[in-house]
Amino acid sequence: MNCENLDHHQTGIHDHFKRQKFGFGRATDPACPHIRRGRLTRPDGLEAVKGLNGLLPWAGLGKPLKNSLRPRELTEDAFIRIGTRFTNKKIVKRDVSGAHLKDRDGNLTTLKHDNV
């Protein structure tokens, strides 16, 4: 299942921040209607959500994230740093100092996986 919203390359960025703020996005949005219509089993939908939600959209429509940010005069590091400031504290794991915990690819880790 392809869980990228391909309407516009900025949509992946929107979905990423929606995930950080509200706890759903990128994979949850397309998985839910497929499950309701019987085109995807619930276990398969949950697996897609666990594997894709929260991952940074490094490319959209074949365009690298850095190319999308260049006209806005933002680096990838600045983009991530700014976006991380607005992360929902109830969703993302933090260490004892309050810093966000990230996986080896730089994606924020959540307290629990999303439910579809």
PDB file of N, CA and C in Angstrom:
ATOM      1  N   MET A   1       0.851  -1.184   0.000  1.00  0.00           N
ATOM      2  CA  MET A   1       0.000   0.000   0.000  1.00  0.00           C
ATOM      3  C   MET A   1       0.890   1.238   0.000  1.00  0.00           C
ATOM      4  N   ASN A   2       0.647   2.138  -0.918  1.00  0.00           N
ATOM      5  CA  ASN A   2       1.384   3.392  -0.968  1.00  0.00           C
ATOM      6  C   ASN A   2       0.644   4.401  -0.103  1.00  0.00           C
ATOM      7  N   CYS A   3       1.295   4.895   0.935  1.00  0.00           N
ATOM      8  CA  CYS A   3       0.637   5.799   1.883  1.00  0.00           C
ATOM      9  C   CYS A   3       1.074   7.235   1.699  1.00  0.00           C
ATOM     10  N   GLU A   4       1.544   7.586   0.519  1.00  0.00           N
ATOM     11  CA  GLU A   4       1.916   8.962   0.248  1.00  0.00           C
ATOM     12  C   GLU A   4       0.747   9.674  -0.400  1.00  0.00           C
ATOM     13  N   ASN A   5       0.431  10.842   0.090  1.00  0.00           N
ATOM     14  CA  ASN A   5      -0.586  11.673  -0.522  1.00  0.00           C
ATOM     15  C   ASN A   5       0.107  12.429  -1.642  1.00  0.00           C
ATOM     16  N   LEU A   6      -0.212  12.108  -2.877  1.00  0.00           N
ATOM     17  CA  LEU A   6       0.534  12.633  -4.006  1.00  0.00           C
ATOM     18  C   LEU A   6      -0.117  13.834  -4.673  1.00  0.00           C
ATOM     19  N   ASP A   7      -1.079  14.479  -4.029  1.00  0.00           N
ATOM     20  CA  ASP A   7      -1.707  15.638  -4.638  1.00  0.00           C
ATOM     21  C   ASP A   7      -0.732  16.789  -4.812  1.00  0.00           C
ATOM     22  N   HIS A   8       0.189  16.914  -3.903  1.00  0.00           N
ATOM     23  CA  HIS A   8       1.118  18.039  -3.915  1.00  0.00           C
ATOM     24  C   HIS A   8       2.305  17.657  -3.053  1.00  0.00           C
ATOM     25  N   HIS A   9       3.516  18.008  -3.451  1.00  0.00           N
ATOM     26  CA  HIS A   9       4.674  17.563  -2.675  1.00  0.00           C
ATOM     27  C   HIS A   9       4.694  18.143  -1.268  1.00  0.00           C
ATOM     28  N   GLN A  10       3.980  19.219  -1.025  1.00  0.00           N
ATOM     29  CA  GLN A  10       3.928  19.793   0.322  1.00  0.00           C
ATOM     30  C   GLN A  10       2.995  19.005   1.247  1.00  0.00           C
ATOM     31  N   THR A  11       2.131  18.174   0.683  1.00  0.00           N
ATOM     32  CA  THR A  11       1.178  17.425   1.492  1.00  0.00           C
ATOM     33  C   THR A  11       1.883  16.465   2.441  1.00  0.00           C
ATOM     34  N   GLY A  12       2.985  15.874   2.003  1.00  0.00           N
ATOM     35  CA  GLY A  12       3.742  14.982   2.878  1.00  0.00           C
ATOM     36  C   GLY A  12       4.261  15.716   4.099  1.00  0.00           C
ATOM     37  N   ILE A  13       4.666  16.954   3.907  1.00  0.00           N
ATOM     38  CA  ILE A  13       5.135  17.774   5.024  1.00  0.00           C
ATOM     39  C   ILE A  13       3.968  18.056   5.971  1.00  0.00           C
ATOM     40  N   HIS A  14       2.822  18.401   5.401  1.00  0.00           N
ATOM     41  CA  HIS A  14       1.622  18.649   6.215  1.00  0.00           C
ATOM     42  C   HIS A  14       1.264  17.398   7.018  1.00  0.00           C
ATOM     43  N   ASP A  15       1.251  16.247   6.344  1.00  0.00           N
ATOM     44  CA  ASP A  15       0.904  14.997   7.024  1.00  0.00           C
ATOM     45  C   ASP A  15       1.882  14.683   8.146  1.00  0.00           C
ATOM     46  N   HIS A  16       3.155  14.990   7.926  1.00  0.00           N
ATOM     47  CA  HIS A  16       4.160  14.737   8.963  1.00  0.00           C
ATOM     48  C   HIS A  16       3.876  15.580  10.205  1.00  0.00           C
ATOM     49  N   PHE A  17       3.604  16.872  10.021  1.00  0.00           N
ATOM     50  CA  PHE A  17       3.341  17.735  11.167  1.00  0.00           C
ATOM     51  C   PHE A  17       1.997  17.428  11.810  1.00  0.00           C
ATOM     52  N   LYS A  18       1.031  17.013  11.018  1.00  0.00           N
ATOM     53  CA  LYS A  18      -0.256  16.612  11.588  1.00  0.00           C
ATOM     54  C   LYS A  18      -0.042  15.421  12.524  1.00  0.00           C
ATOM     55  N   ARG A  19       0.838  14.524  12.138  1.00  0.00           N
ATOM     56  CA  ARG A  19       1.163  13.355  12.965  1.00  0.00           C
ATOM     57  C   ARG A  19       1.792  13.793  14.285  1.00  0.00           C
ATOM     58  N   GLN A  20       2.731  14.721  14.213  1.00  0.00           N
ATOM     59  CA  GLN A  20       3.396  15.196  15.426  1.00  0.00           C
ATOM     60  C   GLN A  20       2.442  15.925  16.353  1.00  0.00           C
ATOM     61  N   LYS A  21       1.475  16.621  15.798  1.00  0.00           N
ATOM     62  CA  LYS A  21       0.566  17.431  16.610  1.00  0.00           C
ATOM     63  C   LYS A  21      -0.645  16.640  17.106  1.00  0.00           C
ATOM     64  N   PHE A  22      -1.230  15.822  16.210  1.00  0.00           N
ATOM     65  CA  PHE A  22      -2.500  15.172  16.543  1.00  0.00           C
ATOM     66  C   PHE A  22      -2.425  13.654  16.676  1.00  0.00           C
ATOM     67  N   GLY A  23      -1.311  13.049  16.270  1.00  0.00           N
ATOM     68  CA  GLY A  23      -1.152  11.613  16.458  1.00  0.00           C
ATOM     69  C   GLY A  23      -1.625  10.746  15.312  1.00  0.00           C
ATOM     70  N   PHE A  24      -2.027  11.335  14.209  1.00  0.00           N
ATOM     71  CA  PHE A  24      -2.383  10.531  13.044  1.00  0.00           C
ATOM     72  C   PHE A  24      -1.959  11.278  11.794  1.00  0.00           C
ATOM     73  N   GLY A  25      -1.842  10.545  10.728  1.00  0.00           N
ATOM     74  CA  GLY A  25      -1.441  11.180   9.480  1.00  0.00           C
ATOM     75  C   GLY A  25      -0.974  10.161   8.477  1.00  0.00           C
ATOM     76  N   ARG A  26      -0.165  10.580   7.592  1.00  0.00           N
ATOM     77  CA  ARG A  26       0.477   9.857   6.504  1.00  0.00           C
ATOM     78  C   ARG A  26      -0.078   8.471   6.179  1.00  0.00           C
ATOM     79  N   ALA A  27      -0.019   7.512   7.068  1.00  0.00           N
ATOM     80  CA  ALA A  27      -0.542   6.180   6.788  1.00  0.00           C
ATOM     81  C   ALA A  27      -1.941   5.971   7.351  1.00  0.00           C
ATOM     82  N   THR A  28      -2.273   6.633   8.442  1.00  0.00           N
ATOM     83  CA  THR A  28      -3.586   6.442   9.056  1.00  0.00           C
ATOM     84  C   THR A  28      -4.691   6.923   8.131  1.00  0.00           C
ATOM     85  N   ASP A  29      -4.519   8.106   7.560  1.00  0.00           N
ATOM     86  CA  ASP A  29      -5.566   8.673   6.701  1.00  0.00           C
ATOM     87  C   ASP A  29      -5.952   7.750   5.539  1.00  0.00           C
ATOM     88  N   PRO A  30      -5.000   7.247   4.739  1.00  0.00           N
ATOM     89  CA  PRO A  30      -5.418   6.373   3.640  1.00  0.00           C
ATOM     90  C   PRO A  30      -5.801   4.963   4.086  1.00  0.00           C
ATOM     91  N   ALA A  31      -5.248   4.480   5.209  1.00  0.00           N
ATOM     92  CA  ALA A  31      -5.545   3.112   5.644  1.00  0.00           C
ATOM     93  C   ALA A  31      -6.994   2.970   6.112  1.00  0.00           C
ATOM     94  N   CYS A  32      -7.510   3.963   6.822  1.00  0.00           N
ATOM     95  CA  CYS A  32      -8.867   3.857   7.392  1.00  0.00           C
ATOM     96  C   CYS A  32      -9.948   3.576   6.353  1.00  0.00           C
ATOM     97  N   PRO A  33     -10.049   4.357   5.275  1.00  0.00           N
ATOM     98  CA  PRO A  33     -11.107   4.044   4.310  1.00  0.00           C
ATOM     99  C   PRO A  33     -10.894   2.700   3.613  1.00  0.00           C
ATOM    100  N   HIS A  34      -9.650   2.294   3.410  1.00  0.00           N
ATOM    101  CA  HIS A  34      -9.403   0.992   2.779  1.00  0.00           C
ATOM    102  C   HIS A  34      -9.870  -0.135   3.694  1.00  0.00           C
ATOM    103  N   ILE A  35      -9.673   0.010   4.990  1.00  0.00           N
ATOM    104  CA  ILE A  35     -10.140  -0.998   5.947  1.00  0.00           C
ATOM    105  C   ILE A  35     -11.669  -1.019   5.962  1.00  0.00           C
ATOM    106  N   ARG A  36     -12.288   0.162   6.025  1.00  0.00           N
ATOM    107  CA  ARG A  36     -13.765   0.225   6.058  1.00  0.00           C
ATOM    108  C   ARG A  36     -14.388  -0.390   4.810  1.00  0.00           C
ATOM    109  N   ARG A  37     -13.747  -0.239   3.674  1.00  0.00           N
ATOM    110  CA  ARG A  37     -14.299  -0.759   2.419  1.00  0.00           C
ATOM    111  C   ARG A  37     -13.875  -2.192   2.142  1.00  0.00           C
ATOM    112  N   GLY A  38     -13.103  -2.793   3.044  1.00  0.00           N
ATOM    113  CA  GLY A  38     -12.709  -4.185   2.899  1.00  0.00           C
ATOM    114  C   GLY A  38     -11.574  -4.418   1.916  1.00  0.00           C
ATOM    115  N   ARG A  39     -10.893  -3.374   1.487  1.00  0.00           N
ATOM    116  CA  ARG A  39      -9.771  -3.522   0.549  1.00  0.00           C
ATOM    117  C   ARG A  39      -8.457  -3.784   1.276  1.00  0.00           C
ATOM    118  N   LEU A  40      -8.474  -3.650   2.595  1.00  0.00           N
ATOM    119  CA  LEU A  40      -7.286  -3.849   3.409  1.00  0.00           C
ATOM    120  C   LEU A  40      -7.745  -4.432   4.737  1.00  0.00           C
ATOM    121  N   THR A  41      -7.049  -5.451   5.202  1.00  0.00           N
ATOM    122  CA  THR A  41      -7.420  -6.017   6.501  1.00  0.00           C
ATOM    123  C   THR A  41      -6.937  -5.093   7.613  1.00  0.00           C
ATOM    124  N   ARG A  42      -7.583  -5.168   8.743  1.00  0.00           N
ATOM    125  CA  ARG A  42      -7.165  -4.349   9.879  1.00  0.00           C
ATOM    126  C   ARG A  42      -5.713  -4.625  10.281  1.00  0.00           C
ATOM    127  N   PRO A  43      -5.295  -5.917  10.384  1.00  0.00           N
ATOM    128  CA  PRO A  43      -3.889  -6.172  10.724  1.00  0.00           C
ATOM    129  C   PRO A  43      -2.915  -5.551   9.704  1.00  0.00           C
ATOM    130  N   ASP A  44      -3.238  -5.641   8.416  1.00  0.00           N
ATOM    131  CA  ASP A  44      -2.368  -5.034   7.395  1.00  0.00           C
ATOM    132  C   ASP A  44      -2.359  -3.516   7.518  1.00  0.00           C
ATOM    133  N   GLY A  45      -3.503  -2.933   7.809  1.00  0.00           N
ATOM    134  CA  GLY A  45      -3.584  -1.481   7.992  1.00  0.00           C
ATOM    135  C   GLY A  45      -2.768  -1.026   9.192  1.00  0.00           C
ATOM    136  N   LEU A  46      -2.876  -1.766  10.303  1.00  0.00           N
ATOM    137  CA  LEU A  46      -2.094  -1.435  11.493  1.00  0.00           C
ATOM    138  C   LEU A  46      -0.602  -1.559  11.214  1.00  0.00           C
ATOM    139  N   GLU A  47      -0.227  -2.561  10.450  1.00  0.00           N
ATOM    140  CA  GLU A  47       1.189  -2.741  10.111  1.00  0.00           C
ATOM    141  C   GLU A  47       1.703  -1.574   9.267  1.00  0.00           C
ATOM    142  N   ALA A  48       0.890  -1.107   8.326  1.00  0.00           N
ATOM    143  CA  ALA A  48       1.281   0.055   7.517  1.00  0.00           C
ATOM    144  C   ALA A  48       1.432   1.292   8.387  1.00  0.00           C
ATOM    145  N   VAL A  49       0.495   1.490   9.306  1.00  0.00           N
ATOM    146  CA  VAL A  49       0.549   2.648  10.197  1.00  0.00           C
ATOM    147  C   VAL A  49       1.803   2.581  11.079  1.00  0.00           C
ATOM    148  N   LYS A  50       2.060   1.409  11.653  1.00  0.00           N
ATOM    149  CA  LYS A  50       3.239   1.262  12.509  1.00  0.00           C
ATOM    150  C   LYS A  50       4.523   1.500  11.738  1.00  0.00           C
ATOM    151  N   GLY A  51       4.541   1.110  10.480  1.00  0.00           N
ATOM    152  CA  GLY A  51       5.761   1.225   9.692  1.00  0.00           C
ATOM    153  C   GLY A  51       5.982   2.575   9.047  1.00  0.00           C
ATOM    154  N   LEU A  52       4.916   3.354   8.853  1.00  0.00           N
ATOM    155  CA  LEU A  52       5.058   4.590   8.087  1.00  0.00           C
ATOM    156  C   LEU A  52       4.741   5.863   8.843  1.00  0.00           C
ATOM    157  N   ASN A  53       3.794   5.831   9.767  1.00  0.00           N
ATOM    158  CA  ASN A  53       3.448   7.071  10.475  1.00  0.00           C
ATOM    159  C   ASN A  53       4.644   7.593  11.255  1.00  0.00           C
ATOM    160  N   GLY A  54       4.822   8.868  11.194  1.00  0.00           N
ATOM    161  CA  GLY A  54       5.902   9.497  11.933  1.00  0.00           C
ATOM    162  C   GLY A  54       7.211   9.608  11.184  1.00  0.00           C
ATOM    163  N   LEU A  55       7.320   8.933  10.033  1.00  0.00           N
ATOM    164  CA  LEU A  55       8.540   9.027   9.253  1.00  0.00           C
ATOM    165  C   LEU A  55       8.565  10.348   8.496  1.00  0.00           C
ATOM    166  N   LEU A  56       9.714  10.952   8.449  1.00  0.00           N
ATOM    167  CA  LEU A  56       9.840  12.202   7.698  1.00  0.00           C
ATOM    168  C   LEU A  56       9.648  11.954   6.211  1.00  0.00           C
ATOM    169  N   PRO A  57       8.936  12.848   5.538  1.00  0.00           N
ATOM    170  CA  PRO A  57       8.730  12.706   4.087  1.00  0.00           C
ATOM    171  C   PRO A  57       9.949  13.241   3.334  1.00  0.00           C
ATOM    172  N   TRP A  58      10.983  12.435   3.204  1.00  0.00           N
ATOM    173  CA  TRP A  58      12.221  12.915   2.581  1.00  0.00           C
ATOM    174  C   TRP A  58      12.042  13.202   1.106  1.00  0.00           C
ATOM    175  N   ALA A  59      10.970  12.694   0.502  1.00  0.00           N
ATOM    176  CA  ALA A  59      10.703  12.986  -0.910  1.00  0.00           C
ATOM    177  C   ALA A  59       9.205  12.994  -1.140  1.00  0.00           C
ATOM    178  N   GLY A  60       8.774  13.759  -2.094  1.00  0.00           N
ATOM    179  CA  GLY A  60       7.379  13.801  -2.496  1.00  0.00           C
ATOM    180  C   GLY A  60       7.321  14.059  -3.985  1.00  0.00           C
ATOM    181  N   LEU A  61       6.576  13.252  -4.695  1.00  0.00           N
ATOM    182  CA  LEU A  61       6.511  13.330  -6.147  1.00  0.00           C
ATOM    183  C   LEU A  61       7.904  13.300  -6.770  1.00  0.00           C
ATOM    184  N   GLY A  62       8.800  12.546  -6.159  1.00  0.00           N
ATOM    185  CA  GLY A  62      10.150  12.426  -6.681  1.00  0.00           C
ATOM    186  C   GLY A  62      11.026  13.635  -6.411  1.00  0.00           C
ATOM    187  N   LYS A  63      10.542  14.549  -5.601  1.00  0.00           N
ATOM    188  CA  LYS A  63      11.282  15.781  -5.300  1.00  0.00           C
ATOM    189  C   LYS A  63      11.823  15.685  -3.886  1.00  0.00           C
ATOM    190  N   PRO A  64      13.151  15.742  -3.698  1.00  0.00           N
ATOM    191  CA  PRO A  64      13.710  15.666  -2.341  1.00  0.00           C
ATOM    192  C   PRO A  64      13.211  16.806  -1.461  1.00  0.00           C
ATOM    193  N   LEU A  65      13.093  16.533  -0.163  1.00  0.00           N
ATOM    194  CA  LEU A  65      12.625  17.528   0.795  1.00  0.00           C
ATOM    195  C   LEU A  65      13.458  18.807   0.712  1.00  0.00           C
ATOM    196  N   LYS A  66      14.769  18.663   0.594  1.00  0.00           N
ATOM    197  CA  LYS A  66      15.621  19.856   0.552  1.00  0.00           C
ATOM    198  C   LYS A  66      15.277  20.753  -0.632  1.00  0.00           C
ATOM    199  N   ASN A  67      14.833  20.170  -1.748  1.00  0.00           N
ATOM    200  CA  ASN A  67      14.425  20.988  -2.898  1.00  0.00           C
ATOM    201  C   ASN A  67      13.123  21.734  -2.622  1.00  0.00           C
ATOM    202  N   SER A  68      12.241  21.124  -1.841  1.00  0.00           N
ATOM    203  CA  SER A  68      10.996  21.791  -1.467  1.00  0.00           C
ATOM    204  C   SER A  68      11.250  22.932  -0.494  1.00  0.00           C
ATOM    205  N   LEU A  69      12.279  22.789   0.319  1.00  0.00           N
ATOM    206  CA  LEU A  69      12.574  23.791   1.343  1.00  0.00           C
ATOM    207  C   LEU A  69      13.428  24.944   0.814  1.00  0.00           C
ATOM    208  N   ARG A  70      14.174  24.700  -0.237  1.00  0.00           N
ATOM    209  CA  ARG A  70      15.096  25.713  -0.760  1.00  0.00           C
ATOM    210  C   ARG A  70      14.412  27.038  -1.086  1.00  0.00           C
ATOM    211  N   PRO A  71      13.252  27.068  -1.774  1.00  0.00           N
ATOM    212  CA  PRO A  71      12.602  28.354  -2.060  1.00  0.00           C
ATOM    213  C   PRO A  71      12.169  29.098  -0.793  1.00  0.00           C
ATOM    214  N   ARG A  72      12.043  28.372   0.290  1.00  0.00           N
ATOM    215  CA  ARG A  72      11.647  28.979   1.567  1.00  0.00           C
ATOM    216  C   ARG A  72      12.863  29.348   2.413  1.00  0.00           C
ATOM    217  N   GLU A  73      14.043  29.117   1.828  1.00  0.00           N
ATOM    218  CA  GLU A  73      15.320  29.410   2.485  1.00  0.00           C
ATOM    219  C   GLU A  73      15.458  28.685   3.818  1.00  0.00           C
ATOM    220  N   LEU A  74      15.031  27.408   3.822  1.00  0.00           N
ATOM    221  CA  LEU A  74      15.139  26.554   5.003  1.00  0.00           C
ATOM    222  C   LEU A  74      16.033  25.367   4.697  1.00  0.00           C
ATOM    223  N   THR A  75      16.870  25.003   5.649  1.00  0.00           N
ATOM    224  CA  THR A  75      17.629  23.762   5.525  1.00  0.00           C
ATOM    225  C   THR A  75      16.784  22.642   6.133  1.00  0.00           C
ATOM    226  N   GLU A  76      17.157  21.408   5.848  1.00  0.00           N
ATOM    227  CA  GLU A  76      16.444  20.281   6.447  1.00  0.00           C
ATOM    228  C   GLU A  76      16.569  20.316   7.968  1.00  0.00           C
ATOM    229  N   ASP A  77      17.754  20.652   8.469  1.00  0.00           N
ATOM    230  CA  ASP A  77      17.954  20.719   9.929  1.00  0.00           C
ATOM    231  C   ASP A  77      17.055  21.772  10.565  1.00  0.00           C
ATOM    232  N   ALA A  78      16.956  22.948   9.944  1.00  0.00           N
ATOM    233  CA  ALA A  78      16.091  24.010  10.487  1.00  0.00           C
ATOM    234  C   ALA A  78      14.627  23.579  10.437  1.00  0.00           C
ATOM    235  N   PHE A  79      14.238  22.949   9.348  1.00  0.00           N
ATOM    236  CA  PHE A  79      12.873  22.462   9.179  1.00  0.00           C
ATOM    237  C   PHE A  79      12.515  21.489  10.310  1.00  0.00           C
ATOM    238  N   ILE A  80      13.409  20.542  10.569  1.00  0.00           N
ATOM    239  CA  ILE A  80      13.161  19.549  11.619  1.00  0.00           C
ATOM    240  C   ILE A  80      13.148  20.211  12.995  1.00  0.00           C
ATOM    241  N   ARG A  81      14.088  21.094  13.240  1.00  0.00           N
ATOM    242  CA  ARG A  81      14.171  21.782  14.533  1.00  0.00           C
ATOM    243  C   ARG A  81      12.913  22.616  14.806  1.00  0.00           C
ATOM    244  N   ILE A  82      12.455  23.356  13.817  1.00  0.00           N
ATOM    245  CA  ILE A  82      11.252  24.182  13.981  1.00  0.00           C
ATOM    246  C   ILE A  82      10.030  23.300  14.208  1.00  0.00           C
ATOM    247  N   GLY A  83       9.874  22.277  13.379  1.00  0.00           N
ATOM    248  CA  GLY A  83       8.717  21.393  13.502  1.00  0.00           C
ATOM    249  C   GLY A  83       8.679  20.660  14.825  1.00  0.00           C
ATOM    250  N   THR A  84       9.825  20.270  15.321  1.00  0.00           N
ATOM    251  CA  THR A  84       9.903  19.528  16.573  1.00  0.00           C
ATOM    252  C   THR A  84       9.448  20.372  17.759  1.00  0.00           C
ATOM    253  N   ARG A  85       9.633  21.674  17.683  1.00  0.00           N
ATOM    254  CA  ARG A  85       9.205  22.550  18.788  1.00  0.00           C
ATOM    255  C   ARG A  85       7.703  22.464  19.049  1.00  0.00           C
ATOM    256  N   PHE A  86       6.923  22.121  18.039  1.00  0.00           N
ATOM    257  CA  PHE A  86       5.466  22.108  18.162  1.00  0.00           C
ATOM    258  C   PHE A  86       4.896  20.706  18.326  1.00  0.00           C
ATOM    259  N   THR A  87       5.740  19.772  18.670  1.00  0.00           N
ATOM    260  CA  THR A  87       5.310  18.386  18.837  1.00  0.00           C
ATOM    261  C   THR A  87       4.485  18.222  20.107  1.00  0.00           C
ATOM    262  N   ASN A  88       3.428  17.446  20.011  1.00  0.00           N
ATOM    263  CA  ASN A  88       2.542  17.158  21.135  1.00  0.00           C
ATOM    264  C   ASN A  88       3.292  16.322  22.173  1.00  0.00           C
ATOM    265  N   LYS A  89       3.417  16.835  23.356  1.00  0.00           N
ATOM    266  CA  LYS A  89       4.161  16.165  24.425  1.00  0.00           C
ATOM    267  C   LYS A  89       3.520  14.850  24.874  1.00  0.00           C
ATOM    268  N   LYS A  90       2.243  14.670  24.582  1.00  0.00           N
ATOM    269  CA  LYS A  90       1.554  13.455  24.990  1.00  0.00           C
ATOM    270  C   LYS A  90       1.749  12.323  23.993  1.00  0.00           C
ATOM    271  N   ILE A  91       2.351  12.607  22.846  1.00  0.00           N
ATOM    272  CA  ILE A  91       2.497  11.613  21.784  1.00  0.00           C
ATOM    273  C   ILE A  91       3.931  11.112  21.646  1.00  0.00           C
ATOM    274  N   VAL A  92       4.900  12.014  21.772  1.00  0.00           N
ATOM    275  CA  VAL A  92       6.290  11.699  21.462  1.00  0.00           C
ATOM    276  C   VAL A  92       7.097  11.419  22.734  1.00  0.00           C
ATOM    277  N   LYS A  93       7.916  10.385  22.672  1.00  0.00           N
ATOM    278  CA  LYS A  93       8.767  10.028  23.812  1.00  0.00           C
ATOM    279  C   LYS A  93       9.826  11.101  24.027  1.00  0.00           C
ATOM    280  N   ARG A  94      10.148  11.310  25.307  1.00  0.00           N
ATOM    281  CA  ARG A  94      11.185  12.271  25.699  1.00  0.00           C
ATOM    282  C   ARG A  94      12.103  11.616  26.719  1.00  0.00           C
ATOM    283  N   ASP A  95      13.326  12.133  26.785  1.00  0.00           N
ATOM    284  CA  ASP A  95      14.234  11.645  27.813  1.00  0.00           C
ATOM    285  C   ASP A  95      13.997  12.441  29.104  1.00  0.00           C
ATOM    286  N   VAL A  96      14.776  12.161  30.145  1.00  0.00           N
ATOM    287  CA  VAL A  96      14.567  12.811  31.440  1.00  0.00           C
ATOM    288  C   VAL A  96      14.784  14.323  31.379  1.00  0.00           C
ATOM    289  N   SER A  97      15.565  14.792  30.402  1.00  0.00           N
ATOM    290  CA  SER A  97      15.794  16.242  30.268  1.00  0.00           C
ATOM    291  C   SER A  97      14.695  16.918  29.457  1.00  0.00           C
ATOM    292  N   GLY A  98      13.787  16.115  28.867  1.00  0.00           N
ATOM    293  CA  GLY A  98      12.696  16.670  28.075  1.00  0.00           C
ATOM    294  C   GLY A  98      12.969  16.702  26.585  1.00  0.00           C
ATOM    295  N   ALA A  99      14.147  16.250  26.162  1.00  0.00           N
ATOM    296  CA  ALA A  99      14.482  16.225  24.731  1.00  0.00           C
ATOM    297  C   ALA A  99      13.737  15.086  24.042  1.00  0.00           C
ATOM    298  N   HIS A 100      13.303  15.316  22.802  1.00  0.00           N
ATOM    299  CA  HIS A 100      12.611  14.288  22.034  1.00  0.00           C
ATOM    300  C   HIS A 100      13.551  13.130  21.737  1.00  0.00           C
ATOM    301  N   LEU A 101      13.027  11.929  21.835  1.00  0.00           N
ATOM    302  CA  LEU A 101      13.793  10.743  21.474  1.00  0.00           C
ATOM    303  C   LEU A 101      13.544  10.439  20.005  1.00  0.00           C
ATOM    304  N   LYS A 102      14.617  10.177  19.278  1.00  0.00           N
ATOM    305  CA  LYS A 102      14.527   9.909  17.844  1.00  0.00           C
ATOM    306  C   LYS A 102      15.138   8.562  17.528  1.00  0.00           C
ATOM    307  N   ASP A 103      14.674   7.972  16.422  1.00  0.00           N
ATOM    308  CA  ASP A 103      15.262   6.714  15.984  1.00  0.00           C
ATOM    309  C   ASP A 103      16.546   7.011  15.211  1.00  0.00           C
ATOM    310  N   ARG A 104      17.173   5.971  14.695  1.00  0.00           N
ATOM    311  CA  ARG A 104      18.464   6.153  14.020  1.00  0.00           C
ATOM    312  C   ARG A 104      18.364   6.980  12.742  1.00  0.00           C
ATOM    313  N   ASP A 105      17.153   7.124  12.186  1.00  0.00           N
ATOM    314  CA  ASP A 105      16.958   7.920  10.978  1.00  0.00           C
ATOM    315  C   ASP A 105      16.527   9.352  11.283  1.00  0.00           C
ATOM    316  N   GLY A 106      16.427   9.695  12.572  1.00  0.00           N
ATOM    317  CA  GLY A 106      16.053  11.049  12.955  1.00  0.00           C
ATOM    318  C   GLY A 106      14.569  11.279  13.107  1.00  0.00           C
ATOM    319  N   ASN A 107      13.767  10.211  13.032  1.00  0.00           N
ATOM    320  CA  ASN A 107      12.323  10.335  13.207  1.00  0.00           C
ATOM    321  C   ASN A 107      11.973  10.282  14.688  1.00  0.00           C
ATOM    322  N   LEU A 108      11.015  11.084  15.100  1.00  0.00           N
ATOM    323  CA  LEU A 108      10.566  11.076  16.490  1.00  0.00           C
ATOM    324  C   LEU A 108       9.929   9.739  16.829  1.00  0.00           C
ATOM    325  N   THR A 109      10.138   9.273  18.047  1.00  0.00           N
ATOM    326  CA  THR A 109       9.522   8.021  18.488  1.00  0.00           C
ATOM    327  C   THR A 109       8.291   8.340  19.325  1.00  0.00           C
ATOM    328  N   THR A 110       7.258   7.551  19.124  1.00  0.00           N
ATOM    329  CA  THR A 110       5.988   7.818  19.795  1.00  0.00           C
ATOM    330  C   THR A 110       5.826   6.926  21.026  1.00  0.00           C
ATOM    331  N   LEU A 111       4.921   7.340  21.889  1.00  0.00           N
ATOM    332  CA  LEU A 111       4.638   6.574  23.109  1.00  0.00           C
ATOM    333  C   LEU A 111       3.957   5.255  22.791  1.00  0.00           C
ATOM    334  N   LYS A 112       3.122   5.239  21.765  1.00  0.00           N
ATOM    335  CA  LYS A 112       2.472   4.012  21.324  1.00  0.00           C
ATOM    336  C   LYS A 112       2.131   4.171  19.861  1.00  0.00           C
ATOM    337  N   HIS A 113       1.922   3.040  19.209  1.00  0.00           N
ATOM    338  CA  HIS A 113       1.555   3.098  17.800  1.00  0.00           C
ATOM    339  C   HIS A 113       0.115   3.520  17.641  1.00  0.00           C
ATOM    340  N   ASP A 114      -0.170   4.122  16.505  1.00  0.00           N
ATOM    341  CA  ASP A 114      -1.521   4.574  16.198  1.00  0.00           C
ATOM    342  C   ASP A 114      -2.457   3.400  16.056  1.00  0.00           C
ATOM    343  N   ASN A 115      -3.699   3.657  16.308  1.00  0.00           N
ATOM    344  CA  ASN A 115      -4.741   2.667  16.034  1.00  0.00           C
ATOM    345  C   ASN A 115      -5.502   3.127  14.821  1.00  0.00           C
ATOM    346  N   VAL A 116      -5.828   2.190  13.969  1.00  0.00           N
ATOM    347  CA  VAL A 116      -6.591   2.517  12.754  1.00  0.00           C
ATOM    348  C   VAL A 116      -8.040   2.195  12.999  1.00  0.00           C
TER     349      VAL A 116
END
